[in-house]
Amino acid sequence: MTKTNDMAPLVRYRLARALETLDEARLLFENGKLHGCVNRLYYACFYAVEALLHSEGRTASKHSGVQSLFNRWWVKPGRIPRDFGEFYNKMFSIRSASDYGIDPQLERAQVEQWVQEAERFVTTVSSQIHGWLRANEPKSNA
């Protein structure tokens, strides 16, 4: 594991990517691009989870590894609500089916619900990360 203080720039970057990608998902949804929206929803959650894992010096080289670490270190111990773990796992599968499946059907009402769930997910994870960032800011000697 890496020293957590050294991870602050990467944590901030991944969190910024999560928020930006969530904005992209909203734009795609508003323009009726449901497959693109689902892709960006998953990646918004993925970047947020990566930031969370990096805050503890954890990393994985594959999406399934990130998913596994998130479930092991955050969902199972109850540090993140279980339904957020279930949502992240679901979005992993849905994004894969949407990106690589043969003509997967997406319904606008369902995608709209996922947008709302992803917003709650990223907000919750962001609050965890902001707490970590505040606790790990260098203390000034002034």
Protein backbone atom coordinates (compact mmCIF):
# COMPACT_ATOMS: atom_id res chain seq x y z
CA MET A 1 0.00 0.00 0.00
CA THR A 2 1.11 3.56 -0.73
CA LYS A 3 1.35 6.30 1.89
CA THR A 4 -2.05 8.00 1.93
CA ASN A 5 -0.66 11.57 2.06
CA ASP A 6 1.11 10.94 -1.24
CA MET A 7 -2.21 9.96 -2.79
CA ALA A 8 -4.02 13.29 -2.24
CA PRO A 9 -3.36 14.67 -5.78
CA LEU A 10 -4.60 11.44 -7.37
CA VAL A 11 -7.62 11.32 -5.06
CA ARG A 12 -8.53 14.90 -6.00
CA TYR A 13 -8.05 14.16 -9.71
CA ARG A 14 -10.23 11.03 -9.65
CA LEU A 15 -12.93 12.84 -7.70
CA ALA A 16 -12.91 15.70 -10.24
CA ARG A 17 -13.19 13.13 -13.06
CA ALA A 18 -16.15 11.51 -11.29
CA LEU A 19 -18.00 14.83 -11.07
CA GLU A 20 -17.17 15.81 -14.65
CA THR A 21 -18.23 12.41 -15.97
CA LEU A 22 -21.51 12.63 -14.06
CA ASP A 23 -22.14 15.97 -15.81
CA GLU A 24 -21.43 14.27 -19.15
CA ALA A 25 -23.97 11.57 -18.30
CA ARG A 26 -26.63 14.20 -17.57
CA LEU A 27 -25.98 15.90 -20.92
CA LEU A 28 -26.20 12.61 -22.78
CA PHE A 29 -29.45 11.71 -21.01
CA GLU A 30 -30.97 15.12 -21.80
CA ASN A 31 -30.12 14.53 -25.47
CA GLY A 32 -31.59 11.02 -25.58
CA LYS A 33 -28.24 9.24 -25.84
CA LEU A 34 -29.07 6.47 -23.38
CA HIS A 35 -26.19 4.08 -24.11
CA GLY A 36 -23.64 6.87 -23.80
CA CYS A 37 -25.35 8.01 -20.62
CA VAL A 38 -25.13 4.54 -19.06
CA ASN A 39 -21.44 4.37 -19.96
CA ARG A 40 -20.73 7.74 -18.32
CA LEU A 41 -22.84 6.85 -15.25
CA TYR A 42 -20.75 3.77 -14.67
CA TYR A 43 -17.50 5.67 -15.18
CA ALA A 44 -18.60 8.46 -12.82
CA CYS A 45 -19.11 5.82 -10.13
CA PHE A 46 -15.88 4.04 -11.09
CA TYR A 47 -13.79 7.20 -10.77
CA ALA A 48 -15.41 7.99 -7.42
CA VAL A 49 -14.65 4.48 -6.16
CA GLU A 50 -11.08 4.73 -7.41
CA ALA A 51 -10.66 8.00 -5.49
CA LEU A 52 -12.05 6.33 -2.37
CA LEU A 53 -9.69 3.38 -2.72
CA HIS A 54 -6.71 5.63 -3.44
CA SER A 55 -7.48 7.53 -0.24
CA GLU A 56 -6.39 4.39 1.58
CA GLY A 57 -3.54 3.60 -0.78
CA ARG A 58 -5.44 0.79 -2.50
CA THR A 59 -5.45 0.25 -6.24
CA ALA A 60 -6.38 -2.39 -8.80
CA SER A 61 -5.45 -2.82 -12.44
CA LYS A 62 -8.86 -4.05 -13.62
CA HIS A 63 -12.43 -2.88 -13.20
CA SER A 64 -13.32 -6.15 -11.50
CA GLY A 65 -10.48 -5.57 -9.05
CA VAL A 66 -11.77 -2.09 -8.20
CA GLN A 67 -15.22 -3.59 -7.71
CA SER A 68 -13.83 -6.32 -5.45
CA LEU A 69 -11.77 -3.90 -3.33
CA PHE A 70 -14.74 -1.55 -2.96
CA ASN A 71 -16.97 -4.36 -1.78
CA ARG A 72 -14.32 -5.77 0.55
CA TRP A 73 -13.11 -2.57 2.23
CA TRP A 74 -16.13 -0.28 2.05
CA VAL A 75 -19.41 -2.12 1.49
CA LYS A 76 -19.00 -5.28 3.61
CA PRO A 77 -17.75 -3.39 6.70
CA GLY A 78 -20.67 -0.95 6.35
CA ARG A 79 -18.56 2.12 5.65
CA ILE A 80 -20.74 2.73 2.58
CA PRO A 81 -24.41 1.69 2.53
CA ARG A 82 -24.94 -1.78 1.08
CA ASP A 83 -27.39 -0.48 -1.53
CA PHE A 84 -24.59 1.68 -2.99
CA GLY A 85 -22.48 -1.45 -3.37
CA GLU A 86 -25.37 -3.18 -5.09
CA PHE A 87 -25.88 -0.18 -7.38
CA TYR A 88 -22.19 -0.07 -8.33
CA ASN A 89 -22.19 -3.80 -9.09
CA LYS A 90 -25.37 -3.39 -11.16
CA MET A 91 -23.93 -0.48 -13.14
CA PHE A 92 -20.79 -2.53 -13.88
CA SER A 93 -22.99 -5.22 -15.49
CA ILE A 94 -25.36 -2.82 -17.23
CA ARG A 95 -22.51 -0.79 -18.73
CA SER A 96 -20.87 -3.96 -20.04
CA ALA A 97 -24.12 -5.16 -21.59
CA SER A 98 -24.83 -1.72 -23.06
CA ASP A 99 -21.32 -1.30 -24.50
CA TYR A 100 -20.76 -4.84 -25.73
CA GLY A 101 -24.16 -6.53 -25.96
CA ILE A 102 -26.14 -7.13 -29.10
CA ASP A 103 -28.91 -4.51 -29.26
CA PRO A 104 -29.51 -4.10 -25.52
CA GLN A 105 -32.75 -2.24 -24.94
CA LEU A 106 -32.68 0.72 -22.58
CA GLU A 107 -35.78 2.50 -21.38
CA ARG A 108 -35.62 6.22 -20.70
CA ALA A 109 -37.46 5.98 -17.35
CA GLN A 110 -35.05 3.32 -16.10
CA VAL A 111 -31.98 5.28 -17.22
CA GLU A 112 -33.41 8.38 -15.52
CA GLN A 113 -33.62 6.41 -12.26
CA TRP A 114 -29.99 5.32 -12.70
CA VAL A 115 -28.97 8.96 -13.20
CA GLN A 116 -30.57 9.83 -9.86
CA GLU A 117 -28.97 6.83 -8.13
CA ALA A 118 -25.55 7.69 -9.60
CA GLU A 119 -25.91 11.26 -8.34
CA ARG A 120 -26.58 9.95 -4.81
CA PHE A 121 -23.72 7.48 -5.13
CA VAL A 122 -21.17 10.06 -6.24
CA THR A 123 -22.39 12.56 -3.62
CA THR A 124 -22.04 9.99 -0.83
CA VAL A 125 -18.61 8.84 -1.95
CA SER A 126 -17.52 12.47 -2.43
CA SER A 127 -18.45 13.31 1.15
CA GLN A 128 -16.31 10.40 2.36
CA ILE A 129 -13.42 11.64 0.24
CA HIS A 130 -13.78 15.26 1.35
CA GLY A 131 -13.60 14.10 4.95
CA TRP A 132 -10.41 12.21 4.17
CA LEU A 133 -8.91 15.18 2.31
CA ARG A 134 -9.65 17.53 5.23
CA ALA A 135 -8.06 15.10 7.67
CA ASN A 136 -4.98 14.70 5.48
CA GLU A 137 -4.34 18.31 4.51
CA PRO A 138 -0.89 19.47 5.50
CA LYS A 139 -1.05 21.46 8.73
CA SER A 140 0.29 24.99 8.48
CA ASN A 141 2.79 26.17 11.06
CA ALA A 142 1.48 29.74 11.03
